[in-house]
Amino acid sequence: MEHIELNSSPRTVIGKQVKALRREGRVPLVMYGTHIQPMALQVDAKELFRVLRQAGGSRLISVNTGSGSQMALAVDVQREPISGAILHVDLMAVSMTEKVTVEVPVTLEGVSPAVKRGEGVLVTGLDSVEIECLPGDLIDRIHVNLDGLEKVGDGVFVRDLQAPSTVKILSEPDEMVARITRLAAEEAPTVAPVAEAAEPEVIAKGKGEEEGEEE
């Protein structure tokens, strides 16, 4: 997979001092891995935004540290809740000879014939799956063609996903990705039963009155 380049420089400010760094248009990074010592770095905010938009979490980033370059993956991106501005990024350095585990999105393409005919609706499940492979074999997504879902009940599960032979899908095979279900039947409006009119209560006449009416 083609990698993306990111220029960085060593960072000496830590803790609350990084607020001043952000005001200058720079973002703090930390890069770590099993074969390197953790590195505190800083990058230009605009360049970082562009790189992360391209790389996501499954494309290699060639990080220029000022003293060399290191392949890495963006594993954690912290953002400001309201503005979405990037506050901090964790990068995981990788070895090109050791397998990595990442999440990649699943992209649905095409239209099911059953949906075209109005016989059913598309229900989606997983929108990403976990894969394992060497860094050089990473893929940015898995494509799913819906054209083969001919009838209600047809579906695509993790076991049906197609990936290169160098990529192992780790997600549960029976997890649903997409399925065609029957259209919900229109329910007739429910009419509350009309209660039968109660007969008027008859109040019995007193004994004296009854005797007065008798001849």
N, C-alpha and C. Protein backbone atom coordinates (compact mmCIF):
# COMPACT_ATOMS: atom_id res chain seq x y z
N MET A 1 0.84 -1.19 0.00
CA MET A 1 0.00 0.00 0.00
C MET A 1 0.88 1.25 0.00
N GLU A 2 0.48 2.23 -0.76
CA GLU A 2 1.22 3.49 -0.81
C GLU A 2 1.12 4.21 0.54
N HIS A 3 2.23 4.72 1.03
CA HIS A 3 2.22 5.42 2.30
C HIS A 3 2.14 6.93 2.10
N ILE A 4 1.89 7.62 3.18
CA ILE A 4 1.73 9.07 3.17
C ILE A 4 2.81 9.66 4.05
N GLU A 5 3.37 10.80 3.67
CA GLU A 5 4.46 11.40 4.43
C GLU A 5 3.93 12.48 5.38
N LEU A 6 4.55 12.54 6.57
CA LEU A 6 4.22 13.55 7.57
C LEU A 6 5.51 14.07 8.16
N ASN A 7 5.69 15.38 8.09
CA ASN A 7 6.89 16.01 8.64
C ASN A 7 6.64 16.43 10.08
N SER A 8 7.56 16.06 10.96
CA SER A 8 7.44 16.41 12.37
C SER A 8 8.80 16.86 12.90
N SER A 9 8.78 17.34 14.14
CA SER A 9 10.02 17.74 14.80
C SER A 9 9.92 17.38 16.27
N PRO A 10 11.06 17.21 16.94
CA PRO A 10 11.03 16.85 18.36
C PRO A 10 10.29 17.90 19.18
N ARG A 11 9.63 17.43 20.26
CA ARG A 11 8.86 18.32 21.13
C ARG A 11 9.42 18.26 22.55
N THR A 12 9.60 19.44 23.10
CA THR A 12 10.11 19.52 24.48
C THR A 12 9.03 19.94 25.46
N VAL A 13 8.00 20.64 24.98
CA VAL A 13 6.94 21.08 25.89
C VAL A 13 6.00 19.92 26.18
N ILE A 14 5.57 19.83 27.43
CA ILE A 14 4.66 18.76 27.84
C ILE A 14 3.61 19.33 28.78
N GLY A 15 2.64 18.48 29.16
CA GLY A 15 1.62 18.90 30.12
C GLY A 15 0.78 20.07 29.61
N LYS A 16 0.51 21.02 30.51
CA LYS A 16 -0.35 22.15 30.17
C LYS A 16 0.31 23.10 29.18
N GLN A 17 1.62 23.00 29.03
CA GLN A 17 2.32 23.89 28.11
C GLN A 17 1.94 23.66 26.65
N VAL A 18 1.35 22.50 26.36
CA VAL A 18 1.00 22.21 24.97
C VAL A 18 -0.12 23.12 24.47
N LYS A 19 -0.85 23.78 25.38
CA LYS A 19 -1.88 24.71 24.94
C LYS A 19 -1.27 25.84 24.12
N ALA A 20 -0.12 26.32 24.56
CA ALA A 20 0.57 27.37 23.81
C ALA A 20 1.01 26.85 22.44
N LEU A 21 1.40 25.57 22.41
CA LEU A 21 1.80 24.94 21.15
C LEU A 21 0.64 24.94 20.17
N ARG A 22 -0.56 24.60 20.66
CA ARG A 22 -1.72 24.56 19.79
C ARG A 22 -2.10 25.96 19.29
N ARG A 23 -1.91 26.96 20.14
CA ARG A 23 -2.21 28.33 19.71
C ARG A 23 -1.29 28.77 18.58
N GLU A 24 -0.15 28.14 18.48
CA GLU A 24 0.81 28.45 17.41
C GLU A 24 0.52 27.65 16.14
N GLY A 25 -0.56 26.85 16.17
CA GLY A 25 -0.92 26.08 14.98
C GLY A 25 -0.19 24.76 14.86
N ARG A 26 0.27 24.22 16.00
CA ARG A 26 0.96 22.94 15.99
C ARG A 26 0.25 21.96 16.92
N VAL A 27 0.40 20.67 16.65
CA VAL A 27 -0.29 19.63 17.41
C VAL A 27 0.74 18.67 18.01
N PRO A 28 0.59 18.31 19.29
CA PRO A 28 1.52 17.35 19.89
C PRO A 28 1.21 15.91 19.47
N LEU A 29 2.27 15.14 19.25
CA LEU A 29 2.15 13.73 18.91
C LEU A 29 3.02 12.92 19.87
N VAL A 30 2.65 11.64 20.02
CA VAL A 30 3.53 10.67 20.68
C VAL A 30 3.61 9.46 19.77
N MET A 31 4.84 9.04 19.47
CA MET A 31 5.03 7.83 18.67
C MET A 31 5.72 6.79 19.53
N TYR A 32 5.17 5.58 19.54
CA TYR A 32 5.73 4.51 20.35
C TYR A 32 5.65 3.21 19.57
N GLY A 33 6.35 2.20 20.05
CA GLY A 33 6.34 0.89 19.41
C GLY A 33 7.24 -0.06 20.17
N THR A 34 7.19 -1.33 19.78
CA THR A 34 7.95 -2.35 20.50
C THR A 34 9.45 -2.24 20.25
N HIS A 35 9.83 -1.57 19.16
CA HIS A 35 11.25 -1.52 18.80
C HIS A 35 11.84 -0.12 18.94
N ILE A 36 11.10 0.83 19.43
CA ILE A 36 11.63 2.19 19.57
C ILE A 36 11.28 2.74 20.94
N GLN A 37 12.02 3.74 21.36
CA GLN A 37 11.70 4.48 22.57
C GLN A 37 10.59 5.48 22.22
N PRO A 38 9.64 5.73 23.14
CA PRO A 38 8.60 6.72 22.86
C PRO A 38 9.20 8.07 22.48
N MET A 39 8.58 8.69 21.49
CA MET A 39 9.08 9.97 20.99
C MET A 39 7.99 11.02 21.09
N ALA A 40 8.31 12.18 21.70
CA ALA A 40 7.39 13.32 21.76
C ALA A 40 7.67 14.21 20.55
N LEU A 41 6.65 14.39 19.71
CA LEU A 41 6.81 15.14 18.46
C LEU A 41 5.77 16.24 18.36
N GLN A 42 5.98 17.13 17.40
CA GLN A 42 4.99 18.16 17.09
C GLN A 42 4.93 18.33 15.58
N VAL A 43 3.72 18.65 15.09
CA VAL A 43 3.53 18.79 13.64
C VAL A 43 2.63 19.99 13.36
N ASP A 44 2.69 20.45 12.12
CA ASP A 44 1.80 21.52 11.70
C ASP A 44 0.36 21.00 11.65
N ALA A 45 -0.57 21.75 12.25
CA ALA A 45 -1.96 21.30 12.37
C ALA A 45 -2.60 21.06 11.00
N LYS A 46 -2.36 21.95 10.04
CA LYS A 46 -2.99 21.80 8.73
C LYS A 46 -2.45 20.58 7.99
N GLU A 47 -1.15 20.35 8.09
CA GLU A 47 -0.57 19.18 7.43
C GLU A 47 -1.08 17.90 8.07
N LEU A 48 -1.19 17.90 9.41
CA LEU A 48 -1.68 16.72 10.11
C LEU A 48 -3.12 16.41 9.71
N PHE A 49 -3.96 17.44 9.61
CA PHE A 49 -5.36 17.24 9.22
C PHE A 49 -5.42 16.59 7.84
N ARG A 50 -4.61 17.06 6.91
CA ARG A 50 -4.60 16.51 5.55
C ARG A 50 -4.16 15.05 5.56
N VAL A 51 -3.10 14.76 6.31
CA VAL A 51 -2.56 13.40 6.35
C VAL A 51 -3.55 12.42 6.97
N LEU A 52 -4.18 12.81 8.09
CA LEU A 52 -5.12 11.91 8.75
C LEU A 52 -6.36 11.67 7.90
N ARG A 53 -6.78 12.67 7.15
CA ARG A 53 -7.93 12.51 6.27
C ARG A 53 -7.64 11.46 5.21
N GLN A 54 -6.40 11.39 4.75
CA GLN A 54 -6.02 10.39 3.75
C GLN A 54 -5.75 9.03 4.37
N ALA A 55 -5.11 9.03 5.53
CA ALA A 55 -4.62 7.78 6.10
C ALA A 55 -5.65 7.04 6.91
N GLY A 56 -6.51 7.74 7.64
CA GLY A 56 -7.41 7.06 8.56
C GLY A 56 -6.60 6.26 9.56
N GLY A 57 -7.06 5.06 9.89
CA GLY A 57 -6.31 4.22 10.83
C GLY A 57 -5.69 3.01 10.19
N SER A 58 -5.74 2.94 8.84
CA SER A 58 -5.27 1.71 8.19
C SER A 58 -4.29 1.95 7.05
N ARG A 59 -3.81 3.19 6.90
CA ARG A 59 -2.80 3.45 5.88
C ARG A 59 -1.51 3.89 6.56
N LEU A 60 -0.40 3.42 6.04
CA LEU A 60 0.90 3.73 6.63
C LEU A 60 1.25 5.20 6.45
N ILE A 61 1.85 5.75 7.51
CA ILE A 61 2.34 7.12 7.49
C ILE A 61 3.85 7.07 7.68
N SER A 62 4.57 7.66 6.75
CA SER A 62 6.01 7.77 6.88
C SER A 62 6.31 9.05 7.65
N VAL A 63 6.68 8.91 8.91
CA VAL A 63 6.87 10.07 9.79
C VAL A 63 8.33 10.50 9.75
N ASN A 64 8.58 11.72 9.28
CA ASN A 64 9.91 12.30 9.30
C ASN A 64 10.11 12.95 10.65
N THR A 65 10.99 12.38 11.48
CA THR A 65 11.19 12.87 12.85
C THR A 65 12.28 13.93 12.97
N GLY A 66 12.91 14.27 11.88
CA GLY A 66 14.03 15.21 11.93
C GLY A 66 15.36 14.51 11.97
N SER A 67 15.38 13.29 12.49
CA SER A 67 16.62 12.51 12.54
C SER A 67 16.50 11.23 11.72
N GLY A 68 15.38 11.07 11.02
CA GLY A 68 15.14 9.88 10.22
C GLY A 68 13.65 9.73 9.96
N SER A 69 13.26 8.62 9.40
CA SER A 69 11.85 8.37 9.13
C SER A 69 11.43 7.04 9.73
N GLN A 70 10.15 6.95 10.08
CA GLN A 70 9.61 5.75 10.70
C GLN A 70 8.20 5.51 10.20
N MET A 71 7.92 4.28 9.78
CA MET A 71 6.57 3.93 9.37
C MET A 71 5.69 3.79 10.60
N ALA A 72 4.49 4.32 10.54
CA ALA A 72 3.59 4.29 11.69
C ALA A 72 2.14 4.29 11.25
N LEU A 73 1.26 3.96 12.20
CA LEU A 73 -0.19 4.02 12.01
C LEU A 73 -0.76 4.96 13.06
N ALA A 74 -1.77 5.73 12.69
CA ALA A 74 -2.47 6.59 13.65
C ALA A 74 -3.46 5.71 14.41
N VAL A 75 -3.23 5.52 15.71
CA VAL A 75 -4.07 4.60 16.48
C VAL A 75 -5.03 5.33 17.42
N ASP A 76 -4.78 6.59 17.71
CA ASP A 76 -5.69 7.34 18.59
C ASP A 76 -5.61 8.81 18.25
N VAL A 77 -6.75 9.39 17.91
CA VAL A 77 -6.82 10.81 17.57
C VAL A 77 -7.80 11.48 18.52
N GLN A 78 -7.31 12.43 19.30
CA GLN A 78 -8.16 13.16 20.24
C GLN A 78 -8.56 14.49 19.60
N ARG A 79 -9.86 14.79 19.65
CA ARG A 79 -10.38 16.01 19.04
C ARG A 79 -11.15 16.85 20.04
N GLU A 80 -11.20 18.14 19.77
CA GLU A 80 -12.01 19.04 20.57
C GLU A 80 -13.47 18.75 20.26
N PRO A 81 -14.33 18.49 21.28
CA PRO A 81 -15.69 18.01 21.02
C PRO A 81 -16.53 18.92 20.13
N ILE A 82 -16.40 20.22 20.26
CA ILE A 82 -17.27 21.13 19.52
C ILE A 82 -16.70 21.48 18.15
N SER A 83 -15.45 21.92 18.10
CA SER A 83 -14.87 22.37 16.84
C SER A 83 -14.32 21.22 16.00
N GLY A 84 -14.00 20.09 16.65
CA GLY A 84 -13.41 18.98 15.92
C GLY A 84 -11.92 19.14 15.68
N ALA A 85 -11.32 20.19 16.21
CA ALA A 85 -9.88 20.41 16.03
C ALA A 85 -9.09 19.27 16.66
N ILE A 86 -8.00 18.89 16.02
CA ILE A 86 -7.17 17.80 16.53
C ILE A 86 -6.33 18.31 17.70
N LEU A 87 -6.42 17.61 18.83
CA LEU A 87 -5.70 18.01 20.03
C LEU A 87 -4.43 17.20 20.25
N HIS A 88 -4.49 15.91 19.92
CA HIS A 88 -3.34 15.04 20.19
C HIS A 88 -3.50 13.76 19.38
N VAL A 89 -2.37 13.19 18.97
CA VAL A 89 -2.40 11.95 18.18
C VAL A 89 -1.35 10.98 18.72
N ASP A 90 -1.77 9.71 18.86
CA ASP A 90 -0.83 8.63 19.17
C ASP A 90 -0.52 7.88 17.88
N LEU A 91 0.76 7.72 17.61
CA LEU A 91 1.22 6.96 16.46
C LEU A 91 1.90 5.68 16.93
N MET A 92 1.58 4.58 16.27
CA MET A 92 2.23 3.31 16.59
C MET A 92 3.23 2.97 15.51
N ALA A 93 4.51 2.96 15.88
CA ALA A 93 5.55 2.59 14.93
C ALA A 93 5.44 1.12 14.60
N VAL A 94 5.64 0.78 13.33
CA VAL A 94 5.50 -0.61 12.89
C VAL A 94 6.79 -1.10 12.26
N SER A 95 6.97 -2.41 12.35
CA SER A 95 8.05 -3.07 11.62
C SER A 95 7.44 -3.69 10.38
N MET A 96 8.08 -3.52 9.25
CA MET A 96 7.53 -4.01 7.99
C MET A 96 7.56 -5.53 7.91
N THR A 97 8.21 -6.19 8.89
CA THR A 97 8.27 -7.65 8.87
C THR A 97 7.39 -8.29 9.94
N GLU A 98 6.63 -7.48 10.67
CA GLU A 98 5.74 -8.00 11.72
C GLU A 98 4.30 -7.62 11.42
N LYS A 99 3.38 -8.56 11.61
CA LYS A 99 1.98 -8.32 11.30
C LYS A 99 1.36 -7.34 12.29
N VAL A 100 0.37 -6.58 11.78
CA VAL A 100 -0.36 -5.63 12.60
C VAL A 100 -1.85 -5.95 12.51
N THR A 101 -2.59 -5.49 13.50
CA THR A 101 -4.04 -5.66 13.52
C THR A 101 -4.70 -4.29 13.51
N VAL A 102 -5.59 -4.06 12.53
CA VAL A 102 -6.25 -2.77 12.39
C VAL A 102 -7.72 -2.97 12.01
N GLU A 103 -8.49 -1.90 12.17
CA GLU A 103 -9.89 -1.88 11.71
C GLU A 103 -9.94 -1.21 10.34
N VAL A 104 -10.67 -1.81 9.41
CA VAL A 104 -10.85 -1.19 8.09
C VAL A 104 -12.35 -1.09 7.80
N PRO A 105 -12.77 -0.02 7.13
CA PRO A 105 -14.20 0.14 6.83
C PRO A 105 -14.68 -0.82 5.75
N VAL A 106 -15.97 -1.11 5.80
CA VAL A 106 -16.63 -1.90 4.76
C VAL A 106 -17.49 -0.95 3.93
N THR A 107 -17.28 -0.94 2.62
CA THR A 107 -17.99 -0.05 1.72
C THR A 107 -19.01 -0.83 0.90
N LEU A 108 -20.29 -0.45 1.01
CA LEU A 108 -21.36 -1.12 0.25
C LEU A 108 -21.52 -0.44 -1.10
N GLU A 109 -21.60 -1.26 -2.15
CA GLU A 109 -21.73 -0.74 -3.51
C GLU A 109 -22.86 -1.47 -4.23
N GLY A 110 -23.47 -0.79 -5.22
CA GLY A 110 -24.53 -1.40 -5.99
C GLY A 110 -25.86 -1.35 -5.27
N VAL A 111 -26.89 -1.93 -5.93
CA VAL A 111 -28.25 -1.95 -5.38
C VAL A 111 -28.81 -3.36 -5.53
N SER A 112 -29.41 -3.88 -4.50
CA SER A 112 -30.03 -5.21 -4.54
C SER A 112 -31.23 -5.20 -5.49
N PRO A 113 -31.36 -6.22 -6.36
CA PRO A 113 -32.55 -6.33 -7.22
C PRO A 113 -33.83 -6.37 -6.42
N ALA A 114 -33.82 -7.01 -5.25
CA ALA A 114 -35.03 -7.08 -4.42
C ALA A 114 -35.46 -5.70 -3.95
N VAL A 115 -34.48 -4.84 -3.68
CA VAL A 115 -34.80 -3.46 -3.28
C VAL A 115 -35.32 -2.68 -4.48
N LYS A 116 -34.71 -2.91 -5.65
CA LYS A 116 -35.18 -2.24 -6.87
C LYS A 116 -36.63 -2.56 -7.16
N ARG A 117 -37.01 -3.81 -6.94
CA ARG A 117 -38.38 -4.23 -7.23
C ARG A 117 -39.35 -3.85 -6.12
N GLY A 118 -38.85 -3.29 -5.07
CA GLY A 118 -39.72 -2.88 -3.97
C GLY A 118 -40.19 -4.02 -3.10
N GLU A 119 -39.46 -5.14 -3.14
CA GLU A 119 -39.88 -6.31 -2.36
C GLU A 119 -39.30 -6.32 -0.94
N GLY A 120 -38.25 -5.57 -0.73
CA GLY A 120 -37.60 -5.56 0.58
C GLY A 120 -36.79 -4.31 0.79
N VAL A 121 -36.21 -4.23 1.97
CA VAL A 121 -35.36 -3.07 2.31
C VAL A 121 -34.01 -3.60 2.78
N LEU A 122 -32.99 -2.76 2.63
CA LEU A 122 -31.64 -3.12 3.03
C LEU A 122 -31.42 -2.76 4.49
N VAL A 123 -30.98 -3.74 5.26
CA VAL A 123 -30.62 -3.51 6.66
C VAL A 123 -29.12 -3.74 6.78
N THR A 124 -28.40 -2.79 7.37
CA THR A 124 -26.95 -2.90 7.46
C THR A 124 -26.52 -3.29 8.88
N GLY A 125 -25.38 -3.95 8.95
CA GLY A 125 -24.82 -4.37 10.23
C GLY A 125 -23.46 -3.73 10.45
N LEU A 126 -22.39 -4.54 10.41
CA LEU A 126 -21.05 -4.02 10.62
C LEU A 126 -20.67 -3.02 9.53
N ASP A 127 -20.02 -1.93 9.93
CA ASP A 127 -19.49 -1.00 8.94
C ASP A 127 -17.97 -1.03 8.90
N SER A 128 -17.35 -1.91 9.70
CA SER A 128 -15.90 -2.10 9.66
C SER A 128 -15.58 -3.48 10.21
N VAL A 129 -14.41 -4.00 9.85
CA VAL A 129 -13.97 -5.30 10.33
C VAL A 129 -12.51 -5.21 10.75
N GLU A 130 -12.10 -6.15 11.57
CA GLU A 130 -10.71 -6.21 12.03
C GLU A 130 -9.92 -7.15 11.14
N ILE A 131 -8.74 -6.70 10.72
CA ILE A 131 -7.90 -7.52 9.85
C ILE A 131 -6.50 -7.62 10.43
N GLU A 132 -5.76 -8.62 9.95
CA GLU A 132 -4.37 -8.81 10.36
C GLU A 132 -3.54 -9.07 9.11
N CYS A 133 -2.40 -8.39 9.01
CA CYS A 133 -1.51 -8.58 7.87
C CYS A 133 -0.20 -7.85 8.12
N LEU A 134 0.74 -8.01 7.23
CA LEU A 134 1.97 -7.24 7.27
C LEU A 134 1.65 -5.80 6.88
N PRO A 135 2.40 -4.83 7.43
CA PRO A 135 2.11 -3.42 7.11
C PRO A 135 2.09 -3.12 5.61
N GLY A 136 2.96 -3.79 4.88
CA GLY A 136 3.00 -3.54 3.44
C GLY A 136 1.81 -4.08 2.68
N ASP A 137 1.02 -4.94 3.33
CA ASP A 137 -0.16 -5.54 2.68
C ASP A 137 -1.47 -4.90 3.14
N LEU A 138 -1.40 -3.83 3.90
CA LEU A 138 -2.60 -3.19 4.42
C LEU A 138 -3.51 -2.73 3.29
N ILE A 139 -4.81 -2.85 3.51
CA ILE A 139 -5.81 -2.34 2.58
C ILE A 139 -6.60 -1.25 3.29
N ASP A 140 -7.13 -0.30 2.52
CA ASP A 140 -7.82 0.83 3.16
C ASP A 140 -9.30 0.56 3.39
N ARG A 141 -9.88 -0.48 2.73
CA ARG A 141 -11.28 -0.82 2.91
C ARG A 141 -11.59 -2.15 2.25
N ILE A 142 -12.77 -2.70 2.54
CA ILE A 142 -13.26 -3.91 1.87
C ILE A 142 -14.56 -3.55 1.16
N HIS A 143 -14.62 -3.86 -0.13
CA HIS A 143 -15.79 -3.52 -0.94
C HIS A 143 -16.80 -4.68 -0.95
N VAL A 144 -18.07 -4.34 -0.85
CA VAL A 144 -19.16 -5.32 -0.88
C VAL A 144 -20.14 -4.92 -1.97
N ASN A 145 -20.39 -5.82 -2.93
CA ASN A 145 -21.33 -5.56 -4.01
C ASN A 145 -22.69 -6.13 -3.64
N LEU A 146 -23.71 -5.26 -3.62
CA LEU A 146 -25.05 -5.67 -3.23
C LEU A 146 -25.88 -6.22 -4.40
N ASP A 147 -25.33 -6.19 -5.60
CA ASP A 147 -26.09 -6.63 -6.78
C ASP A 147 -26.51 -8.10 -6.69
N GLY A 148 -25.81 -8.90 -5.90
CA GLY A 148 -26.13 -10.31 -5.82
C GLY A 148 -27.23 -10.66 -4.82
N LEU A 149 -27.74 -9.67 -4.11
CA LEU A 149 -28.82 -9.94 -3.15
C LEU A 149 -30.14 -9.90 -3.90
N GLU A 150 -30.53 -11.07 -4.43
CA GLU A 150 -31.65 -11.15 -5.37
C GLU A 150 -33.01 -11.14 -4.69
N LYS A 151 -33.10 -11.68 -3.48
CA LYS A 151 -34.43 -11.84 -2.87
C LYS A 151 -34.38 -11.54 -1.38
N VAL A 152 -35.58 -11.42 -0.81
CA VAL A 152 -35.70 -11.19 0.63
C VAL A 152 -35.06 -12.35 1.39
N GLY A 153 -34.24 -12.03 2.36
CA GLY A 153 -33.53 -13.06 3.12
C GLY A 153 -32.08 -13.20 2.73
N ASP A 154 -31.72 -12.75 1.52
CA ASP A 154 -30.32 -12.80 1.10
C ASP A 154 -29.52 -11.81 1.93
N GLY A 155 -28.28 -12.18 2.24
CA GLY A 155 -27.45 -11.30 3.05
C GLY A 155 -25.96 -11.50 2.79
N VAL A 156 -25.19 -10.59 3.35
CA VAL A 156 -23.72 -10.68 3.30
C VAL A 156 -23.22 -10.70 4.74
N PHE A 157 -22.38 -11.69 5.05
CA PHE A 157 -21.82 -11.83 6.38
C PHE A 157 -20.30 -11.74 6.29
N VAL A 158 -19.66 -11.63 7.42
CA VAL A 158 -18.20 -11.50 7.42
C VAL A 158 -17.57 -12.66 6.65
N ARG A 159 -18.13 -13.84 6.77
CA ARG A 159 -17.57 -15.01 6.07
C ARG A 159 -17.62 -14.86 4.55
N ASP A 160 -18.47 -13.95 4.05
CA ASP A 160 -18.61 -13.76 2.60
C ASP A 160 -17.66 -12.68 2.06
N LEU A 161 -16.99 -11.93 2.93
CA LEU A 161 -16.15 -10.82 2.49
C LEU A 161 -14.93 -11.31 1.74
N GLN A 162 -14.57 -10.57 0.71
CA GLN A 162 -13.42 -10.91 -0.12
C GLN A 162 -12.25 -9.98 0.22
N ALA A 163 -11.11 -10.58 0.55
CA ALA A 163 -9.90 -9.83 0.85
C ALA A 163 -8.73 -10.53 0.19
N PRO A 164 -7.64 -9.82 -0.06
CA PRO A 164 -6.45 -10.47 -0.63
C PRO A 164 -5.97 -11.63 0.25
N SER A 165 -5.28 -12.56 -0.35
CA SER A 165 -4.81 -13.74 0.39
C SER A 165 -3.82 -13.38 1.49
N THR A 166 -3.22 -12.19 1.38
CA THR A 166 -2.24 -11.76 2.38
C THR A 166 -2.91 -11.12 3.59
N VAL A 167 -4.23 -10.98 3.54
CA VAL A 167 -4.97 -10.32 4.62
C VAL A 167 -5.90 -11.32 5.28
N LYS A 168 -5.84 -11.41 6.61
CA LYS A 168 -6.72 -12.30 7.37
C LYS A 168 -7.77 -11.47 8.09
N ILE A 169 -9.05 -11.82 7.89
CA ILE A 169 -10.14 -11.12 8.56
C ILE A 169 -10.38 -11.79 9.91
N LEU A 170 -10.32 -11.00 10.98
CA LEU A 170 -10.42 -11.54 12.33
C LEU A 170 -11.82 -11.45 12.93
N SER A 171 -12.68 -10.62 12.36
CA SER A 171 -14.03 -10.46 12.92
C SER A 171 -14.80 -11.78 12.82
N GLU A 172 -15.80 -11.94 13.69
CA GLU A 172 -16.58 -13.17 13.73
C GLU A 172 -17.25 -13.45 12.38
N PRO A 173 -17.11 -14.68 11.86
CA PRO A 173 -17.64 -15.00 10.53
C PRO A 173 -19.15 -14.80 10.40
N ASP A 174 -19.91 -15.00 11.48
CA ASP A 174 -21.37 -14.93 11.40
C ASP A 174 -21.91 -13.52 11.61
N GLU A 175 -21.04 -12.54 11.82
CA GLU A 175 -21.51 -11.16 11.97
C GLU A 175 -22.10 -10.68 10.65
N MET A 176 -23.27 -9.99 10.74
CA MET A 176 -23.95 -9.52 9.53
C MET A 176 -23.37 -8.19 9.05
N VAL A 177 -23.21 -8.08 7.75
CA VAL A 177 -22.79 -6.83 7.12
C VAL A 177 -23.99 -6.15 6.48
N ALA A 178 -24.80 -6.90 5.76
CA ALA A 178 -26.00 -6.35 5.11
C ALA A 178 -26.97 -7.49 4.83
N ARG A 179 -28.28 -7.16 4.82
CA ARG A 179 -29.28 -8.18 4.57
C ARG A 179 -30.55 -7.53 4.04
N ILE A 180 -31.27 -8.27 3.20
CA ILE A 180 -32.54 -7.79 2.68
C ILE A 180 -33.67 -8.37 3.52
N THR A 181 -34.49 -7.50 4.07
CA THR A 181 -35.62 -7.96 4.87
C THR A 181 -36.93 -7.52 4.22
N ARG A 182 -38.00 -8.20 4.60
CA ARG A 182 -39.31 -7.92 4.02
C ARG A 182 -39.82 -6.57 4.48
N LEU A 183 -40.53 -5.91 3.59
CA LEU A 183 -41.14 -4.63 3.95
C LEU A 183 -42.14 -4.84 5.08
N ALA A 184 -42.15 -3.94 6.02
CA ALA A 184 -43.09 -4.04 7.14
C ALA A 184 -44.51 -3.88 6.61
N ALA A 185 -45.41 -4.81 6.97
CA ALA A 185 -46.80 -4.74 6.52
C ALA A 185 -47.49 -3.56 7.17
N GLU A 186 -48.33 -2.91 6.38
CA GLU A 186 -49.09 -1.79 6.92
C GLU A 186 -50.14 -2.33 7.88
N GLU A 187 -50.16 -1.78 9.02
CA GLU A 187 -51.10 -2.23 10.03
C GLU A 187 -52.40 -1.44 9.93
N ALA A 188 -53.50 -2.19 10.00
CA ALA A 188 -54.79 -1.52 9.97
C ALA A 188 -54.98 -0.75 11.26
N PRO A 189 -55.60 0.41 11.18
CA PRO A 189 -55.80 1.18 12.41
C PRO A 189 -56.65 0.40 13.40
N THR A 190 -56.24 0.45 14.61
CA THR A 190 -56.95 -0.26 15.66
C THR A 190 -58.09 0.60 16.19
N VAL A 191 -59.30 0.04 16.14
CA VAL A 191 -60.47 0.78 16.62
C VAL A 191 -60.87 0.20 17.97
N ALA A 192 -60.95 1.06 18.93
CA ALA A 192 -61.32 0.59 20.26
C ALA A 192 -62.76 0.12 20.25
N PRO A 193 -63.05 -1.03 20.87
CA PRO A 193 -64.44 -1.53 20.89
C PRO A 193 -65.36 -0.57 21.63
N VAL A 194 -66.57 -0.43 21.07
CA VAL A 194 -67.56 0.46 21.69
C VAL A 194 -68.26 -0.30 22.80
N ALA A 195 -68.23 0.25 23.95
CA ALA A 195 -68.88 -0.42 25.09
C ALA A 195 -70.39 -0.38 24.92
N GLU A 196 -71.04 -1.50 25.25
CA GLU A 196 -72.50 -1.55 25.15
C GLU A 196 -73.13 -0.61 26.17
N ALA A 197 -74.21 0.03 25.71
CA ALA A 197 -74.87 0.98 26.60
C ALA A 197 -75.46 0.24 27.80
N ALA A 198 -75.19 0.74 28.94
CA ALA A 198 -75.69 0.11 30.16
C ALA A 198 -77.18 0.40 30.34
N GLU A 199 -77.92 -0.62 30.78
CA GLU A 199 -79.35 -0.41 31.00
C GLU A 199 -79.55 0.46 32.23
N PRO A 200 -80.60 1.32 32.19
CA PRO A 200 -80.83 2.20 33.33
C PRO A 200 -81.15 1.38 34.58
N GLU A 201 -80.59 1.82 35.68
CA GLU A 201 -80.79 1.11 36.94
C GLU A 201 -82.22 1.29 37.41
N VAL A 202 -82.88 0.18 37.81
CA VAL A 202 -84.26 0.24 38.31
C VAL A 202 -84.22 0.23 39.83
N ILE A 203 -84.76 1.26 40.39
CA ILE A 203 -84.78 1.35 41.85
C ILE A 203 -86.08 0.75 42.36
N ALA A 204 -85.97 -0.28 43.15
CA ALA A 204 -87.18 -0.97 43.67
C ALA A 204 -87.99 -0.04 44.56
N LYS A 205 -89.34 -0.13 44.42
CA LYS A 205 -90.22 0.68 45.26
C LYS A 205 -90.24 0.15 46.67
N GLY A 206 -90.41 1.02 47.58
CA GLY A 206 -90.51 0.59 48.96
C GLY A 206 -91.79 -0.21 49.21
N LYS A 207 -91.78 -1.00 50.27
CA LYS A 207 -92.92 -1.89 50.56
C LYS A 207 -94.21 -1.11 50.80
N GLY A 208 -94.09 0.01 51.51
CA GLY A 208 -95.32 0.79 51.80
C GLY A 208 -95.94 1.33 50.56
N GLU A 209 -95.09 1.79 49.59
CA GLU A 209 -95.64 2.37 48.36
C GLU A 209 -96.35 1.31 47.54
N GLU A 210 -95.72 0.11 47.50
CA GLU A 210 -96.34 -0.97 46.73
C GLU A 210 -97.69 -1.32 47.31
N GLU A 211 -97.84 -1.34 48.63
CA GLU A 211 -99.10 -1.68 49.25
C GLU A 211 -100.12 -0.61 48.99
N GLY A 212 -99.68 0.66 48.86
CA GLY A 212 -100.64 1.73 48.59
C GLY A 212 -101.21 1.65 47.22
N GLU A 213 -100.47 1.09 46.28
CA GLU A 213 -100.96 1.03 44.91
C GLU A 213 -101.94 -0.11 44.71
N GLU A 214 -101.92 -1.09 45.68
CA GLU A 214 -102.82 -2.22 45.48
C GLU A 214 -104.24 -1.82 45.86
N GLU A 215 -105.18 -2.34 45.18
CA GLU A 215 -106.57 -2.04 45.45
C GLU A 215 -107.04 -2.84 46.64
